[in-house]
Amino acid sequence: MTKHVIESSAESFGERLARLRKAAGYTQKELGDEVGTSQRMVAYYEAQTEHPPTKLMPALARALGVSADELLGLAAGKARRKTPDSRLDRRLRAVQDLPAAEKRQVLAFIDALLDRERLKRRAG
């Protein structure tokens, strides 16, 4: 029986997890929070283990936007461009769930920052 590993066999599970985490724009702490574990455990999975955490695989794959097969190195992932503001996108989606008054405060703060930046550029 042939092994259908698409990724380089030199890439360990931990290296793949770190690569996919960074491509998704997560810090170790953010990914841990997203899947219900600690930053320390994410660091451990990235550095010390060849044995993926079975109970976390579905949550990790979902959070990283990949299939479990891709996370395990059994399938190639879709070519996707790295979005440098995926962290910002996640936060903006979270803002949508805030009550209306808090949402208005966040938008007012963003508007104030943008106005300040525009003024700096005009003056500079």
C-alpha atoms as a PDB file:
ATOM      1  CA  MET A   1       0.000   0.000   0.000  1.00  0.00           C
ATOM      2  CA  THR A   2       1.398   3.406  -0.926  1.00  0.00           C
ATOM      3  CA  LYS A   3       1.494   6.325   1.413  1.00  0.00           C
ATOM      4  CA  HIS A   4      -0.317   9.400   0.054  1.00  0.00           C
ATOM      5  CA  VAL A   5       1.689  12.089   1.787  1.00  0.00           C
ATOM      6  CA  ILE A   6       1.667  15.246  -0.294  1.00  0.00           C
ATOM      7  CA  GLU A   7       3.620  17.553   1.989  1.00  0.00           C
ATOM      8  CA  SER A   8       7.341  17.095   2.318  1.00  0.00           C
ATOM      9  CA  SER A   9       7.984  14.149   4.604  1.00  0.00           C
ATOM     10  CA  ALA A  10      10.641  16.304   6.269  1.00  0.00           C
ATOM     11  CA  GLU A  11       7.934  18.558   7.721  1.00  0.00           C
ATOM     12  CA  SER A  12       6.763  17.300  11.099  1.00  0.00           C
ATOM     13  CA  PHE A  13       3.258  17.740  12.455  1.00  0.00           C
ATOM     14  CA  GLY A  14       4.529  20.502  14.737  1.00  0.00           C
ATOM     15  CA  GLU A  15       6.231  22.365  11.904  1.00  0.00           C
ATOM     16  CA  ARG A  16       3.090  22.073   9.781  1.00  0.00           C
ATOM     17  CA  LEU A  17       0.912  23.278  12.657  1.00  0.00           C
ATOM     18  CA  ALA A  18       3.187  26.293  13.195  1.00  0.00           C
ATOM     19  CA  ARG A  19       3.216  27.093   9.464  1.00  0.00           C
ATOM     20  CA  LEU A  20      -0.559  26.862   9.165  1.00  0.00           C
ATOM     21  CA  ARG A  21      -1.080  28.846  12.379  1.00  0.00           C
ATOM     22  CA  LYS A  22       1.134  31.678  11.138  1.00  0.00           C
ATOM     23  CA  ALA A  23      -0.513  31.642   7.708  1.00  0.00           C
ATOM     24  CA  ALA A  24      -3.888  32.017   9.426  1.00  0.00           C
ATOM     25  CA  GLY A  25      -2.556  34.983  11.414  1.00  0.00           C
ATOM     26  CA  TYR A  26      -2.847  33.427  14.869  1.00  0.00           C
ATOM     27  CA  THR A  27      -0.434  33.706  17.751  1.00  0.00           C
ATOM     28  CA  GLN A  28      -0.018  30.553  19.830  1.00  0.00           C
ATOM     29  CA  LYS A  29      -2.182  32.101  22.551  1.00  0.00           C
ATOM     30  CA  GLU A  30      -4.935  33.076  20.113  1.00  0.00           C
ATOM     31  CA  LEU A  31      -5.020  29.604  18.589  1.00  0.00           C
ATOM     32  CA  GLY A  32      -5.078  28.047  22.039  1.00  0.00           C
ATOM     33  CA  ASP A  33      -7.990  30.277  23.051  1.00  0.00           C
ATOM     34  CA  GLU A  34      -9.804  29.403  19.824  1.00  0.00           C
ATOM     35  CA  VAL A  35      -9.532  25.631  20.336  1.00  0.00           C
ATOM     36  CA  GLY A  36      -9.823  25.539  24.122  1.00  0.00           C
ATOM     37  CA  THR A  37      -6.261  24.894  25.185  1.00  0.00           C
ATOM     38  CA  SER A  38      -3.350  26.949  26.461  1.00  0.00           C
ATOM     39  CA  GLN A  39      -0.546  28.748  24.620  1.00  0.00           C
ATOM     40  CA  ARG A  40       1.831  26.377  26.351  1.00  0.00           C
ATOM     41  CA  MET A  41       0.121  23.315  24.836  1.00  0.00           C
ATOM     42  CA  VAL A  42       0.128  24.872  21.353  1.00  0.00           C
ATOM     43  CA  ALA A  43       3.865  25.521  21.763  1.00  0.00           C
ATOM     44  CA  TYR A  44       4.302  21.898  22.861  1.00  0.00           C
ATOM     45  CA  TYR A  45       2.396  20.563  19.842  1.00  0.00           C
ATOM     46  CA  GLU A  46       4.534  22.721  17.559  1.00  0.00           C
ATOM     47  CA  ALA A  47       7.876  21.784  19.087  1.00  0.00           C
ATOM     48  CA  GLN A  48       7.819  18.526  21.008  1.00  0.00           C
ATOM     49  CA  THR A  49       5.430  16.050  19.527  1.00  0.00           C
ATOM     50  CA  GLU A  50       4.974  13.921  16.458  1.00  0.00           C
ATOM     51  CA  HIS A  51       1.657  12.761  17.858  1.00  0.00           C
ATOM     52  CA  PRO A  52      -1.137  15.177  17.014  1.00  0.00           C
ATOM     53  CA  PRO A  53      -3.716  15.809  19.724  1.00  0.00           C
ATOM     54  CA  THR A  54      -6.585  13.677  18.402  1.00  0.00           C
ATOM     55  CA  LYS A  55      -9.332  15.352  20.397  1.00  0.00           C
ATOM     56  CA  LEU A  56      -8.231  18.794  19.163  1.00  0.00           C
ATOM     57  CA  MET A  57      -7.793  17.899  15.482  1.00  0.00           C
ATOM     58  CA  PRO A  58     -11.296  18.955  14.354  1.00  0.00           C
ATOM     59  CA  ALA A  59     -11.079  22.263  16.247  1.00  0.00           C
ATOM     60  CA  LEU A  60      -7.542  22.955  14.994  1.00  0.00           C
ATOM     61  CA  ALA A  61      -8.508  22.227  11.387  1.00  0.00           C
ATOM     62  CA  ARG A  62     -11.614  24.402  11.658  1.00  0.00           C
ATOM     63  CA  ALA A  63      -9.730  27.310  13.280  1.00  0.00           C
ATOM     64  CA  LEU A  64      -6.950  27.149  10.681  1.00  0.00           C
ATOM     65  CA  GLY A  65      -9.355  26.785   7.759  1.00  0.00           C
ATOM     66  CA  VAL A  66      -7.848  23.518   6.542  1.00  0.00           C
ATOM     67  CA  SER A  67      -8.918  19.894   6.383  1.00  0.00           C
ATOM     68  CA  ALA A  68      -7.728  17.418   8.992  1.00  0.00           C
ATOM     69  CA  ASP A  69      -5.902  15.629   6.154  1.00  0.00           C
ATOM     70  CA  GLU A  70      -3.977  18.796   5.344  1.00  0.00           C
ATOM     71  CA  LEU A  71      -3.169  19.330   9.010  1.00  0.00           C
ATOM     72  CA  LEU A  72      -1.822  15.768   9.171  1.00  0.00           C
ATOM     73  CA  GLY A  73       0.155  16.194   5.932  1.00  0.00           C
ATOM     74  CA  LEU A  74      -1.954  13.656   4.046  1.00  0.00           C
ATOM     75  CA  ALA A  75      -3.315  16.105   1.481  1.00  0.00           C
ATOM     76  CA  ALA A  76      -2.144  19.272  -0.165  1.00  0.00           C
ATOM     77  CA  GLY A  77      -3.979  22.392   0.849  1.00  0.00           C
ATOM     78  CA  LYS A  78      -5.640  24.817  -1.460  1.00  0.00           C
ATOM     79  CA  ALA A  79      -3.345  27.582  -2.537  1.00  0.00           C
ATOM     80  CA  ARG A  80      -4.399  30.529  -0.452  1.00  0.00           C
ATOM     81  CA  ARG A  81      -2.754  33.837  -0.097  1.00  0.00           C
ATOM     82  CA  LYS A  82      -1.671  34.905   3.316  1.00  0.00           C
ATOM     83  CA  THR A  83      -3.841  37.702   4.567  1.00  0.00           C
ATOM     84  CA  PRO A  84      -1.802  39.921   6.845  1.00  0.00           C
ATOM     85  CA  ASP A  85      -4.901  41.302   8.521  1.00  0.00           C
ATOM     86  CA  SER A  86      -6.680  38.054   9.356  1.00  0.00           C
ATOM     87  CA  ARG A  87      -6.291  38.982  13.043  1.00  0.00           C
ATOM     88  CA  LEU A  88      -8.038  42.270  12.302  1.00  0.00           C
ATOM     89  CA  ASP A  89     -10.759  40.442  10.365  1.00  0.00           C
ATOM     90  CA  ARG A  90     -11.444  38.133  13.333  1.00  0.00           C
ATOM     91  CA  ARG A  91     -11.706  41.086  15.676  1.00  0.00           C
ATOM     92  CA  LEU A  92     -14.026  42.978  13.362  1.00  0.00           C
ATOM     93  CA  ARG A  93     -16.285  39.923  13.132  1.00  0.00           C
ATOM     94  CA  ALA A  94     -16.338  39.825  16.944  1.00  0.00           C
ATOM     95  CA  VAL A  95     -17.308  43.507  17.027  1.00  0.00           C
ATOM     96  CA  GLN A  96     -20.379  42.647  14.952  1.00  0.00           C
ATOM     97  CA  ASP A  97     -21.653  40.573  17.883  1.00  0.00           C
ATOM     98  CA  LEU A  98     -21.412  43.441  20.368  1.00  0.00           C
ATOM     99  CA  PRO A  99     -24.509  45.303  21.545  1.00  0.00           C
ATOM    100  CA  ALA A 100     -25.315  48.387  19.450  1.00  0.00           C
ATOM    101  CA  ALA A 101     -23.962  50.911  21.988  1.00  0.00           C
ATOM    102  CA  GLU A 102     -20.580  49.188  22.257  1.00  0.00           C
ATOM    103  CA  LYS A 103     -20.439  48.782  18.485  1.00  0.00           C
ATOM    104  CA  ARG A 104     -20.941  52.558  18.089  1.00  0.00           C
ATOM    105  CA  GLN A 105     -18.109  53.195  20.576  1.00  0.00           C
ATOM    106  CA  VAL A 106     -15.732  50.937  18.648  1.00  0.00           C
ATOM    107  CA  LEU A 107     -16.651  52.637  15.362  1.00  0.00           C
ATOM    108  CA  ALA A 108     -16.196  56.106  16.887  1.00  0.00           C
ATOM    109  CA  PHE A 109     -12.759  55.080  18.144  1.00  0.00           C
ATOM    110  CA  ILE A 110     -11.782  53.709  14.721  1.00  0.00           C
ATOM    111  CA  ASP A 111     -13.036  56.882  13.037  1.00  0.00           C
ATOM    112  CA  ALA A 112     -10.992  59.017  15.446  1.00  0.00           C
ATOM    113  CA  LEU A 113      -7.829  57.009  14.710  1.00  0.00           C
ATOM    114  CA  LEU A 114      -8.393  57.248  10.962  1.00  0.00           C
ATOM    115  CA  ASP A 115      -9.036  61.004  11.153  1.00  0.00           C
ATOM    116  CA  ARG A 116      -5.851  61.473  13.188  1.00  0.00           C
ATOM    117  CA  GLU A 117      -3.848  59.493  10.624  1.00  0.00           C
ATOM    118  CA  ARG A 118      -5.290  61.555   7.748  1.00  0.00           C
ATOM    119  CA  LEU A 119      -4.314  64.776   9.534  1.00  0.00           C
ATOM    120  CA  LYS A 120      -0.775  63.475  10.122  1.00  0.00           C
ATOM    121  CA  ARG A 121      -0.399  62.649   6.437  1.00  0.00           C
ATOM    122  CA  ARG A 122      -1.620  66.078   5.347  1.00  0.00           C
ATOM    123  CA  ALA A 123       0.739  67.807   7.770  1.00  0.00           C
ATOM    124  CA  GLY A 124       3.675  65.527   6.955  1.00  0.00           C
END
